[in-house]
PDB file of N, CA and C in Angstrom:
ATOM      1  N   MET A   1      43.953 -61.465  47.337  1.00  0.00           N
ATOM      2  CA  MET A   1      43.851 -60.535  46.724  1.00  0.00           C
ATOM      3  C   MET A   1      44.029 -59.437  47.820  1.00  0.00           C
ATOM      4  N   GLY A   2      43.575 -59.334  48.810  1.00  0.00           N
ATOM      5  CA  GLY A   2      43.822 -58.225  49.879  1.00  0.00           C
ATOM      6  C   GLY A   2      45.184 -58.391  49.866  1.00  0.00           C
ATOM      7  N   ASP A   3      46.042 -59.693  50.289  1.00  0.00           N
ATOM      8  CA  ASP A   3      47.817 -59.439  50.456  1.00  0.00           C
ATOM      9  C   ASP A   3      48.335 -58.806  49.339  1.00  0.00           C
ATOM     10  N   GLN A   4      47.781 -58.930  47.880  1.00  0.00           N
ATOM     11  CA  GLN A   4      48.493 -58.748  46.662  1.00  0.00           C
ATOM     12  C   GLN A   4      48.180 -56.749  47.118  1.00  0.00           C
ATOM     13  N   TYR A   5      47.353 -56.524  47.569  1.00  0.00           N
ATOM     14  CA  TYR A   5      46.985 -55.018  47.503  1.00  0.00           C
ATOM     15  C   TYR A   5      47.937 -54.348  48.404  1.00  0.00           C
ATOM     16  N   SER A   6      47.700 -55.030  49.821  1.00  0.00           N
ATOM     17  CA  SER A   6      48.895 -54.556  50.774  1.00  0.00           C
ATOM     18  C   SER A   6      50.213 -54.847  50.350  1.00  0.00           C
ATOM     19  N   LEU A   7      50.722 -55.632  49.671  1.00  0.00           N
ATOM     20  CA  LEU A   7      51.637 -55.276  48.882  1.00  0.00           C
ATOM     21  C   LEU A   7      52.184 -54.598  48.177  1.00  0.00           C
ATOM     22  N   ARG A   8      51.095 -54.028  47.187  1.00  0.00           N
ATOM     23  CA  ARG A   8      51.394 -52.853  46.150  1.00  0.00           C
ATOM     24  C   ARG A   8      51.324 -51.453  47.173  1.00  0.00           C
ATOM     25  N   ILE A   9      50.725 -51.350  48.359  1.00  0.00           N
ATOM     26  CA  ILE A   9      51.157 -50.451  48.873  1.00  0.00           C
ATOM     27  C   ILE A   9      52.401 -50.367  49.871  1.00  0.00           C
ATOM     28  N   THR A  10      52.688 -51.039  50.382  1.00  0.00           N
ATOM     29  CA  THR A  10      54.057 -51.229  51.118  1.00  0.00           C
ATOM     30  C   THR A  10      55.192 -50.849  50.013  1.00  0.00           C
ATOM     31  N   LEU A  11      54.785 -51.582  48.906  1.00  0.00           N
ATOM     32  CA  LEU A  11      56.371 -51.229  47.616  1.00  0.00           C
ATOM     33  C   LEU A  11      56.358 -49.916  47.068  1.00  0.00           C
ATOM     34  N   ASN A  12      55.181 -49.392  47.011  1.00  0.00           N
ATOM     35  CA  ASN A  12      54.821 -48.089  46.558  1.00  0.00           C
ATOM     36  C   ASN A  12      55.581 -46.773  48.021  1.00  0.00           C
ATOM     37  N   SER A  13      55.538 -47.420  49.161  1.00  0.00           N
ATOM     38  CA  SER A  13      55.786 -46.652  50.155  1.00  0.00           C
ATOM     39  C   SER A  13      57.284 -47.322  50.208  1.00  0.00           C
ATOM     40  N   LEU A  14      58.029 -48.091  50.371  1.00  0.00           N
ATOM     41  CA  LEU A  14      58.618 -48.539  50.350  1.00  0.00           C
ATOM     42  C   LEU A  14      59.839 -47.492  49.500  1.00  0.00           C
ATOM     43  N   GLY A  15      59.201 -47.557  48.403  1.00  0.00           N
ATOM     44  CA  GLY A  15      59.840 -46.910  46.946  1.00  0.00           C
ATOM     45  C   GLY A  15      59.829 -45.260  47.343  1.00  0.00           C
ATOM     46  N   LEU A  16      59.071 -45.129  48.249  1.00  0.00           N
ATOM     47  CA  LEU A  16      59.136 -43.457  48.417  1.00  0.00           C
ATOM     48  C   LEU A  16      60.168 -43.143  49.240  1.00  0.00           C
ATOM     49  N   VAL A  17      60.438 -44.068  50.335  1.00  0.00           N
ATOM     50  CA  VAL A  17      61.514 -43.750  51.516  1.00  0.00           C
ATOM     51  C   VAL A  17      63.000 -43.857  50.573  1.00  0.00           C
ATOM     52  N   PHE A  18      63.275 -45.251  49.879  1.00  0.00           N
ATOM     53  CA  PHE A  18      64.438 -45.103  49.015  1.00  0.00           C
ATOM     54  C   PHE A  18      64.478 -43.777  48.095  1.00  0.00           C
ATOM     55  N   GLN A  19      63.658 -43.311  47.494  1.00  0.00           N
ATOM     56  CA  GLN A  19      63.927 -42.290  46.791  1.00  0.00           C
ATOM     57  C   GLN A  19      64.157 -41.434  47.646  1.00  0.00           C
ATOM     58  N   LYS A  20      63.532 -40.786  49.038  1.00  0.00           N
ATOM     59  CA  LYS A  20      63.900 -39.727  49.800  1.00  0.00           C
ATOM     60  C   LYS A  20      65.446 -40.141  49.919  1.00  0.00           C
ATOM     61  N   GLN A  21      65.943 -41.323  50.221  1.00  0.00           N
ATOM     62  CA  GLN A  21      67.133 -41.195  50.665  1.00  0.00           C
ATOM     63  C   GLN A  21      68.385 -41.612  49.982  1.00  0.00           C
ATOM     64  N   GLY A  22      67.926 -41.134  48.749  1.00  0.00           N
ATOM     65  CA  GLY A  22      68.951 -40.957  47.429  1.00  0.00           C
ATOM     66  C   GLY A  22      69.167 -42.353  46.723  1.00  0.00           C
ATOM     67  N   ARG A  23      68.863 -43.855  47.311  1.00  0.00           N
ATOM     68  CA  ARG A  23      68.531 -45.068  47.030  1.00  0.00           C
ATOM     69  C   ARG A  23      67.860 -45.231  45.459  1.00  0.00           C
ATOM     70  N   PHE A  24      68.242 -44.879  44.625  1.00  0.00           N
ATOM     71  CA  PHE A  24      67.391 -44.634  43.324  1.00  0.00           C
ATOM     72  C   PHE A  24      66.795 -45.843  42.939  1.00  0.00           C
ATOM     73  N   ASP A  25      68.366 -46.965  42.737  1.00  0.00           N
ATOM     74  CA  ASP A  25      68.134 -47.903  42.007  1.00  0.00           C
ATOM     75  C   ASP A  25      67.032 -48.776  42.822  1.00  0.00           C
ATOM     76  N   GLU A  26      67.183 -48.666  44.099  1.00  0.00           N
ATOM     77  CA  GLU A  26      66.175 -49.859  44.824  1.00  0.00           C
ATOM     78  C   GLU A  26      64.926 -49.223  45.226  1.00  0.00           C
ATOM     79  N   ALA A  27      64.613 -47.842  45.055  1.00  0.00           N
ATOM     80  CA  ALA A  27      63.132 -46.995  44.798  1.00  0.00           C
ATOM     81  C   ALA A  27      62.789 -47.399  43.043  1.00  0.00           C
ATOM     82  N   ILE A  28      63.473 -47.620  42.226  1.00  0.00           N
ATOM     83  CA  ILE A  28      62.974 -47.922  40.920  1.00  0.00           C
ATOM     84  C   ILE A  28      62.387 -49.520  40.720  1.00  0.00           C
ATOM     85  N   GLN A  29      63.324 -50.110  41.866  1.00  0.00           N
ATOM     86  CA  GLN A  29      62.987 -51.716  41.817  1.00  0.00           C
ATOM     87  C   GLN A  29      61.660 -52.227  42.428  1.00  0.00           C
ATOM     88  N   ALA A  30      61.277 -51.164  43.800  1.00  0.00           N
ATOM     89  CA  ALA A  30      60.407 -51.242  44.638  1.00  0.00           C
ATOM     90  C   ALA A  30      58.878 -50.789  43.292  1.00  0.00           C
ATOM     91  N   PHE A  31      59.111 -49.529  43.165  1.00  0.00           N
ATOM     92  CA  PHE A  31      58.009 -49.275  42.283  1.00  0.00           C
ATOM     93  C   PHE A  31      58.022 -49.749  41.142  1.00  0.00           C
ATOM     94  N   GLN A  32      58.838 -50.526  40.359  1.00  0.00           N
ATOM     95  CA  GLN A  32      58.433 -51.471  39.070  1.00  0.00           C
ATOM     96  C   GLN A  32      57.907 -52.895  39.484  1.00  0.00           C
ATOM     97  N   ARG A  33      58.466 -53.507  40.726  1.00  0.00           N
ATOM     98  CA  ARG A  33      57.291 -54.504  41.109  1.00  0.00           C
ATOM     99  C   ARG A  33      55.872 -54.230  41.675  1.00  0.00           C
ATOM    100  N   GLN A  34      55.870 -53.093  41.969  1.00  0.00           N
ATOM    101  CA  GLN A  34      54.264 -52.668  42.508  1.00  0.00           C
ATOM    102  C   GLN A  34      53.763 -52.849  41.166  1.00  0.00           C
ATOM    103  N   ILE A  35      54.060 -52.144  40.121  1.00  0.00           N
ATOM    104  CA  ILE A  35      53.836 -51.766  38.617  1.00  0.00           C
ATOM    105  C   ILE A  35      53.298 -53.437  38.353  1.00  0.00           C
ATOM    106  N   GLU A  36      54.262 -54.102  38.561  1.00  0.00           N
ATOM    107  CA  GLU A  36      54.179 -55.829  37.901  1.00  0.00           C
ATOM    108  C   GLU A  36      53.007 -56.422  38.166  1.00  0.00           C
ATOM    109  N   ILE A  37      52.554 -56.081  39.973  1.00  0.00           N
ATOM    110  CA  ILE A  37      51.780 -56.724  40.450  1.00  0.00           C
ATOM    111  C   ILE A  37      50.532 -55.934  40.080  1.00  0.00           C
ATOM    112  N   SER A  38      50.431 -54.773  40.246  1.00  0.00           N
ATOM    113  CA  SER A  38      49.253 -53.696  39.341  1.00  0.00           C
ATOM    114  C   SER A  38      49.120 -54.444  38.031  1.00  0.00           C
ATOM    115  N   GLN A  39      49.900 -54.771  37.273  1.00  0.00           N
ATOM    116  CA  GLN A  39      49.553 -55.237  36.141  1.00  0.00           C
ATOM    117  C   GLN A  39      48.784 -56.813  36.297  1.00  0.00           C
ATOM    118  N   THR A  40      49.325 -57.610  36.952  1.00  0.00           N
ATOM    119  CA  THR A  40      49.054 -58.730  37.135  1.00  0.00           C
ATOM    120  C   THR A  40      47.505 -58.995  37.281  1.00  0.00           C
ATOM    121  N   PHE A  41      46.894 -58.149  38.317  1.00  0.00           N
ATOM    122  CA  PHE A  41      45.451 -58.203  38.998  1.00  0.00           C
ATOM    123  C   PHE A  41      44.772 -56.784  38.419  1.00  0.00           C
ATOM    124  N   ASN A  42      45.443 -56.467  37.341  1.00  0.00           N
ATOM    125  CA  ASN A  42      44.552 -55.606  36.198  1.00  0.00           C
ATOM    126  C   ASN A  42      43.681 -54.375  37.405  1.00  0.00           C
ATOM    127  N   ASP A  43      45.261 -53.774  38.290  1.00  0.00           N
ATOM    128  CA  ASP A  43      44.678 -52.620  39.414  1.00  0.00           C
ATOM    129  C   ASP A  43      45.415 -51.366  38.384  1.00  0.00           C
ATOM    130  N   GLN A  44      44.373 -50.843  37.595  1.00  0.00           N
ATOM    131  CA  GLN A  44      44.848 -49.551  36.781  1.00  0.00           C
ATOM    132  C   GLN A  44      44.842 -48.153  37.688  1.00  0.00           C
ATOM    133  N   LYS A  45      44.549 -48.443  38.780  1.00  0.00           N
ATOM    134  CA  LYS A  45      44.558 -47.201  39.220  1.00  0.00           C
ATOM    135  C   LYS A  45      45.841 -47.279  40.080  1.00  0.00           C
ATOM    136  N   SER A  46      46.118 -48.586  40.853  1.00  0.00           N
ATOM    137  CA  SER A  46      47.688 -48.552  41.534  1.00  0.00           C
ATOM    138  C   SER A  46      48.985 -48.317  40.332  1.00  0.00           C
ATOM    139  N   LEU A  47      48.441 -49.076  39.167  1.00  0.00           N
ATOM    140  CA  LEU A  47      49.528 -48.733  38.272  1.00  0.00           C
ATOM    141  C   LEU A  47      49.623 -47.521  37.300  1.00  0.00           C
ATOM    142  N   VAL A  48      48.707 -46.447  37.828  1.00  0.00           N
ATOM    143  CA  VAL A  48      48.692 -45.182  37.186  1.00  0.00           C
ATOM    144  C   VAL A  48      49.892 -44.466  38.236  1.00  0.00           C
ATOM    145  N   ILE A  49      49.756 -44.689  39.644  1.00  0.00           N
ATOM    146  CA  ILE A  49      50.548 -44.500  40.814  1.00  0.00           C
ATOM    147  C   ILE A  49      51.815 -44.787  40.946  1.00  0.00           C
ATOM    148  N   GLY A  50      51.893 -46.097  40.894  1.00  0.00           N
ATOM    149  CA  GLY A  50      53.782 -46.535  40.134  1.00  0.00           C
ATOM    150  C   GLY A  50      54.362 -46.028  39.308  1.00  0.00           C
ATOM    151  N   LEU A  51      53.439 -45.682  38.060  1.00  0.00           N
ATOM    152  CA  LEU A  51      53.872 -45.266  36.745  1.00  0.00           C
ATOM    153  C   LEU A  51      54.426 -43.993  37.181  1.00  0.00           C
ATOM    154  N   ASN A  52      53.620 -43.364  37.711  1.00  0.00           N
ATOM    155  CA  ASN A  52      53.881 -41.669  38.383  1.00  0.00           C
ATOM    156  C   ASN A  52      55.173 -41.663  39.603  1.00  0.00           C
ATOM    157  N   CYS A  53      55.141 -42.048  39.994  1.00  0.00           N
ATOM    158  CA  CYS A  53      56.406 -42.607  41.589  1.00  0.00           C
ATOM    159  C   CYS A  53      57.791 -43.160  40.351  1.00  0.00           C
ATOM    160  N   LEU A  54      57.594 -43.781  39.542  1.00  0.00           N
ATOM    161  CA  LEU A  54      58.559 -44.305  39.016  1.00  0.00           C
ATOM    162  C   LEU A  54      59.112 -43.177  37.709  1.00  0.00           C
ATOM    163  N   GLY A  55      58.390 -42.329  37.233  1.00  0.00           N
ATOM    164  CA  GLY A  55      58.633 -41.448  36.596  1.00  0.00           C
ATOM    165  C   GLY A  55      59.674 -40.372  37.400  1.00  0.00           C
ATOM    166  N   ARG A  56      59.165 -40.094  38.306  1.00  0.00           N
ATOM    167  CA  ARG A  56      59.389 -39.330  39.028  1.00  0.00           C
ATOM    168  C   ARG A  56      61.291 -39.373  39.676  1.00  0.00           C
ATOM    169  N   VAL A  57      61.069 -40.685  39.274  1.00  0.00           N
ATOM    170  CA  VAL A  57      62.194 -41.339  40.144  1.00  0.00           C
ATOM    171  C   VAL A  57      63.844 -40.999  39.041  1.00  0.00           C
ATOM    172  N   PHE A  58      62.860 -41.482  37.435  1.00  0.00           N
ATOM    173  CA  PHE A  58      63.874 -41.284  36.637  1.00  0.00           C
ATOM    174  C   PHE A  58      64.218 -40.009  36.053  1.00  0.00           C
ATOM    175  N   GLN A  59      63.371 -38.881  36.940  1.00  0.00           N
ATOM    176  CA  GLN A  59      63.302 -37.290  36.846  1.00  0.00           C
ATOM    177  C   GLN A  59      64.360 -37.196  37.392  1.00  0.00           C
ATOM    178  N   LYS A  60      64.729 -37.944  38.561  1.00  0.00           N
ATOM    179  CA  LYS A  60      65.804 -37.231  39.688  1.00  0.00           C
ATOM    180  C   LYS A  60      66.943 -37.515  39.068  1.00  0.00           C
ATOM    181  N   GLN A  61      67.096 -38.521  38.123  1.00  0.00           N
ATOM    182  CA  GLN A  61      68.537 -39.271  38.056  1.00  0.00           C
ATOM    183  C   GLN A  61      68.354 -38.745  36.416  1.00  0.00           C
ATOM    184  N   ARG A  62      68.148 -38.042  35.977  1.00  0.00           N
ATOM    185  CA  ARG A  62      68.201 -37.103  34.525  1.00  0.00           C
ATOM    186  C   ARG A  62      68.080 -37.939  33.686  1.00  0.00           C
ATOM    187  N   ARG A  63      66.930 -39.444  33.885  1.00  0.00           N
ATOM    188  CA  ARG A  63      67.037 -40.555  32.647  1.00  0.00           C
ATOM    189  C   ARG A  63      65.926 -40.175  32.027  1.00  0.00           C
ATOM    190  N   LEU A  64      65.603 -38.939  31.666  1.00  0.00           N
ATOM    191  CA  LEU A  64      64.459 -38.405  30.976  1.00  0.00           C
ATOM    192  C   LEU A  64      63.782 -39.175  30.095  1.00  0.00           C
ATOM    193  N   ASP A  65      64.237 -39.567  28.951  1.00  0.00           N
ATOM    194  CA  ASP A  65      64.061 -40.655  27.829  1.00  0.00           C
ATOM    195  C   ASP A  65      62.573 -41.572  28.986  1.00  0.00           C
ATOM    196  N   GLU A  66      63.509 -42.319  29.497  1.00  0.00           N
ATOM    197  CA  GLU A  66      62.954 -43.516  30.668  1.00  0.00           C
ATOM    198  C   GLU A  66      61.328 -42.480  31.570  1.00  0.00           C
ATOM    199  N   ALA A  67      61.258 -41.208  31.966  1.00  0.00           N
ATOM    200  CA  ALA A  67      60.451 -40.587  32.774  1.00  0.00           C
ATOM    201  C   ALA A  67      59.383 -40.528  31.797  1.00  0.00           C
ATOM    202  N   ILE A  68      60.048 -39.634  30.632  1.00  0.00           N
ATOM    203  CA  ILE A  68      58.750 -39.250  29.618  1.00  0.00           C
ATOM    204  C   ILE A  68      57.949 -40.845  29.412  1.00  0.00           C
ATOM    205  N   GLU A  69      58.723 -41.536  29.283  1.00  0.00           N
ATOM    206  CA  GLU A  69      57.940 -42.902  28.965  1.00  0.00           C
ATOM    207  C   GLU A  69      56.769 -43.284  30.166  1.00  0.00           C
ATOM    208  N   ALA A  70      57.420 -43.624  31.199  1.00  0.00           N
ATOM    209  CA  ALA A  70      56.403 -43.464  32.154  1.00  0.00           C
ATOM    210  C   ALA A  70      55.336 -42.854  32.257  1.00  0.00           C
ATOM    211  N   PHE A  71      55.360 -41.122  32.231  1.00  0.00           N
ATOM    212  CA  PHE A  71      54.588 -40.524  32.372  1.00  0.00           C
ATOM    213  C   PHE A  71      53.797 -40.826  31.098  1.00  0.00           C
ATOM    214  N   GLN A  72      54.070 -41.292  30.283  1.00  0.00           N
ATOM    215  CA  GLN A  72      53.095 -41.352  28.737  1.00  0.00           C
ATOM    216  C   GLN A  72      52.059 -42.217  28.870  1.00  0.00           C
ATOM    217  N   ARG A  73      52.701 -43.782  29.685  1.00  0.00           N
ATOM    218  CA  ARG A  73      52.150 -44.635  29.846  1.00  0.00           C
ATOM    219  C   ARG A  73      51.034 -44.235  31.003  1.00  0.00           C
ATOM    220  N   GLN A  74      51.371 -43.429  32.211  1.00  0.00           N
ATOM    221  CA  GLN A  74      50.429 -42.950  33.313  1.00  0.00           C
ATOM    222  C   GLN A  74      49.293 -42.147  32.393  1.00  0.00           C
ATOM    223  N   ILE A  75      49.638 -41.415  31.714  1.00  0.00           N
ATOM    224  CA  ILE A  75      48.650 -40.673  30.928  1.00  0.00           C
ATOM    225  C   ILE A  75      47.664 -41.597  30.215  1.00  0.00           C
ATOM    226  N   LYS A  76      48.082 -42.383  29.238  1.00  0.00           N
ATOM    227  CA  LYS A  76      47.420 -43.231  28.777  1.00  0.00           C
ATOM    228  C   LYS A  76      46.141 -43.992  29.251  1.00  0.00           C
ATOM    229  N   ILE A  77      46.743 -44.473  30.627  1.00  0.00           N
ATOM    230  CA  ILE A  77      45.896 -45.341  31.545  1.00  0.00           C
ATOM    231  C   ILE A  77      44.728 -44.566  32.100  1.00  0.00           C
ATOM    232  N   SER A  78      45.475 -43.037  32.346  1.00  0.00           N
ATOM    233  CA  SER A  78      44.627 -42.031  32.868  1.00  0.00           C
ATOM    234  C   SER A  78      43.455 -42.079  32.044  1.00  0.00           C
ATOM    235  N   GLN A  79      43.364 -41.716  31.078  1.00  0.00           N
ATOM    236  CA  GLN A  79      42.521 -41.362  29.675  1.00  0.00           C
ATOM    237  C   GLN A  79      41.866 -42.477  29.713  1.00  0.00           C
ATOM    238  N   THR A  80      41.820 -43.817  29.754  1.00  0.00           N
ATOM    239  CA  THR A  80      41.267 -45.066  29.690  1.00  0.00           C
ATOM    240  C   THR A  80      40.308 -45.514  30.801  1.00  0.00           C
ATOM    241  N   LEU A  81      40.854 -44.493  32.125  1.00  0.00           N
ATOM    242  CA  LEU A  81      39.903 -44.784  33.459  1.00  0.00           C
ATOM    243  C   LEU A  81      39.035 -43.447  33.583  1.00  0.00           C
ATOM    244  N   ASN A  82      39.553 -42.479  32.186  1.00  0.00           N
ATOM    245  CA  ASN A  82      38.223 -41.097  32.404  1.00  0.00           C
ATOM    246  C   ASN A  82      38.911 -40.642  33.569  1.00  0.00           C
ATOM    247  N   ASP A  83      40.085 -40.151  34.599  1.00  0.00           N
ATOM    248  CA  ASP A  83      40.888 -40.004  35.234  1.00  0.00           C
ATOM    249  C   ASP A  83      41.672 -38.840  34.877  1.00  0.00           C
ATOM    250  N   GLN A  84      40.960 -37.831  35.093  1.00  0.00           N
ATOM    251  CA  GLN A  84      41.294 -36.458  34.917  1.00  0.00           C
ATOM    252  C   GLN A  84      42.475 -35.830  35.831  1.00  0.00           C
ATOM    253  N   LYS A  85      42.611 -36.059  37.311  1.00  0.00           N
ATOM    254  CA  LYS A  85      43.201 -35.881  38.076  1.00  0.00           C
ATOM    255  C   LYS A  85      45.054 -36.462  37.728  1.00  0.00           C
ATOM    256  N   SER A  86      44.907 -37.870  37.776  1.00  0.00           N
ATOM    257  CA  SER A  86      46.162 -38.319  37.200  1.00  0.00           C
ATOM    258  C   SER A  86      46.691 -38.005  36.120  1.00  0.00           C
ATOM    259  N   GLY A  87      46.176 -37.933  34.970  1.00  0.00           N
ATOM    260  CA  GLY A  87      46.371 -37.571  33.813  1.00  0.00           C
ATOM    261  C   GLY A  87      46.954 -36.173  33.753  1.00  0.00           C
ATOM    262  N   SER A  88      45.652 -35.284  34.366  1.00  0.00           N
ATOM    263  CA  SER A  88      46.741 -34.114  34.648  1.00  0.00           C
ATOM    264  C   SER A  88      48.016 -34.198  35.050  1.00  0.00           C
ATOM    265  N   SER A  89      48.293 -34.652  35.964  1.00  0.00           N
ATOM    266  CA  SER A  89      49.559 -34.748  37.152  1.00  0.00           C
ATOM    267  C   SER A  89      50.736 -35.652  35.520  1.00  0.00           C
ATOM    268  N   GLY A  90      50.392 -36.281  35.075  1.00  0.00           N
ATOM    269  CA  GLY A  90      51.054 -37.285  33.967  1.00  0.00           C
ATOM    270  C   GLY A  90      51.280 -35.670  32.883  1.00  0.00           C
ATOM    271  N   LEU A  91      50.588 -35.484  32.327  1.00  0.00           N
ATOM    272  CA  LEU A  91      50.817 -34.043  31.291  1.00  0.00           C
ATOM    273  C   LEU A  91      51.787 -33.092  32.333  1.00  0.00           C
ATOM    274  N   SER A  92      51.413 -32.820  33.278  1.00  0.00           N
ATOM    275  CA  SER A  92      52.361 -31.789  33.960  1.00  0.00           C
ATOM    276  C   SER A  92      53.957 -32.247  34.063  1.00  0.00           C
ATOM    277  N   MET A  93      53.912 -33.241  34.648  1.00  0.00           N
ATOM    278  CA  MET A  93      55.049 -33.916  34.300  1.00  0.00           C
ATOM    279  C   MET A  93      55.927 -34.481  32.767  1.00  0.00           C
ATOM    280  N   LEU A  94      55.100 -34.524  32.154  1.00  0.00           N
ATOM    281  CA  LEU A  94      55.679 -34.420  30.600  1.00  0.00           C
ATOM    282  C   LEU A  94      55.998 -33.404  29.923  1.00  0.00           C
ATOM    283  N   ASN A  95      54.861 -32.381  30.635  1.00  0.00           N
ATOM    284  CA  ASN A  95      55.638 -31.001  29.768  1.00  0.00           C
ATOM    285  C   ASN A  95      56.972 -31.031  30.572  1.00  0.00           C
ATOM    286  N   TYR A  96      56.737 -31.020  31.907  1.00  0.00           N
ATOM    287  CA  TYR A  96      58.600 -30.652  32.246  1.00  0.00           C
ATOM    288  C   TYR A  96      59.568 -31.109  31.606  1.00  0.00           C
ATOM    289  N   GLN A  97      59.405 -32.270  31.755  1.00  0.00           N
ATOM    290  CA  GLN A  97      60.488 -33.299  30.859  1.00  0.00           C
ATOM    291  C   GLN A  97      60.889 -32.643  29.673  1.00  0.00           C
ATOM    292  N   LEU A  98      59.972 -32.587  28.973  1.00  0.00           N
ATOM    293  CA  LEU A  98      60.107 -31.800  27.313  1.00  0.00           C
ATOM    294  C   LEU A  98      60.521 -30.862  27.645  1.00  0.00           C
ATOM    295  N   SER A  99      60.408 -29.914  28.302  1.00  0.00           N
ATOM    296  CA  SER A  99      60.805 -28.537  28.363  1.00  0.00           C
ATOM    297  C   SER A  99      62.283 -28.595  28.749  1.00  0.00           C
ATOM    298  N   GLY A 100      62.551 -29.374  29.354  1.00  0.00           N
ATOM    299  CA  GLY A 100      64.235 -30.108  29.989  1.00  0.00           C
ATOM    300  C   GLY A 100      64.702 -30.204  28.724  1.00  0.00           C
ATOM    301  N   LEU A 101      64.572 -31.518  28.115  1.00  0.00           N
ATOM    302  CA  LEU A 101      64.823 -32.003  26.510  1.00  0.00           C
ATOM    303  C   LEU A 101      65.463 -30.573  25.924  1.00  0.00           C
ATOM    304  N   ILE A 102      64.504 -29.824  25.331  1.00  0.00           N
ATOM    305  CA  ILE A 102      64.540 -28.978  24.704  1.00  0.00           C
ATOM    306  C   ILE A 102      66.080 -27.707  25.386  1.00  0.00           C
ATOM    307  N   LYS A 103      65.721 -27.399  26.627  1.00  0.00           N
ATOM    308  CA  LYS A 103      66.638 -26.148  26.975  1.00  0.00           C
ATOM    309  C   LYS A 103      68.088 -27.141  26.894  1.00  0.00           C
ATOM    310  N   LEU A 104      68.235 -28.645  26.991  1.00  0.00           N
ATOM    311  CA  LEU A 104      69.723 -29.066  26.756  1.00  0.00           C
ATOM    312  C   LEU A 104      69.449 -29.042  25.553  1.00  0.00           C
ATOM    313  N   ASN A 105      68.998 -29.308  24.325  1.00  0.00           N
ATOM    314  CA  ASN A 105      69.317 -29.255  23.343  1.00  0.00           C
ATOM    315  C   ASN A 105      69.754 -27.955  22.743  1.00  0.00           C
ATOM    316  N   ARG A 106      69.160 -26.990  23.238  1.00  0.00           N
ATOM    317  CA  ARG A 106      69.789 -25.365  22.882  1.00  0.00           C
ATOM    318  C   ARG A 106      71.217 -25.239  23.234  1.00  0.00           C
ATOM    319  N   GLN A 107      71.728 -25.948  24.612  1.00  0.00           N
ATOM    320  CA  GLN A 107      72.900 -25.497  25.276  1.00  0.00           C
ATOM    321  C   GLN A 107      73.630 -26.482  24.405  1.00  0.00           C
ATOM    322  N   GLY A 108      73.112 -27.435  23.402  1.00  0.00           N
ATOM    323  CA  GLY A 108      73.729 -28.522  22.654  1.00  0.00           C
ATOM    324  C   GLY A 108      74.860 -29.567  23.852  1.00  0.00           C
ATOM    325  N   LEU A 109      73.858 -29.770  24.860  1.00  0.00           N
ATOM    326  CA  LEU A 109      74.204 -31.111  25.740  1.00  0.00           C
ATOM    327  C   LEU A 109      73.618 -32.357  24.984  1.00  0.00           C
TER     328      LEU A 109
END
């Protein structure tokens, strides 16, 4: 189990590096793998972190529907954990995404 925890941390760090390098597909793969492992071990806090990171990559790629889905999942899990900090982060990102969609709709895009 300790090795799996280290793997989750490493995958998250790797995803962040890929994201900074603009290697978004590789970042998504790293975050999705971290999320899978977190789900397997029922590590809800790690899952919340992975979903937030995944949502941010989707946001950078303008894949807004996928970003919203990731942030909504983050919020739902945070509420279950009664984790106000993570829930607030997810709500903030979701609000940002929805504001962007409204703006695009008004522009006719």
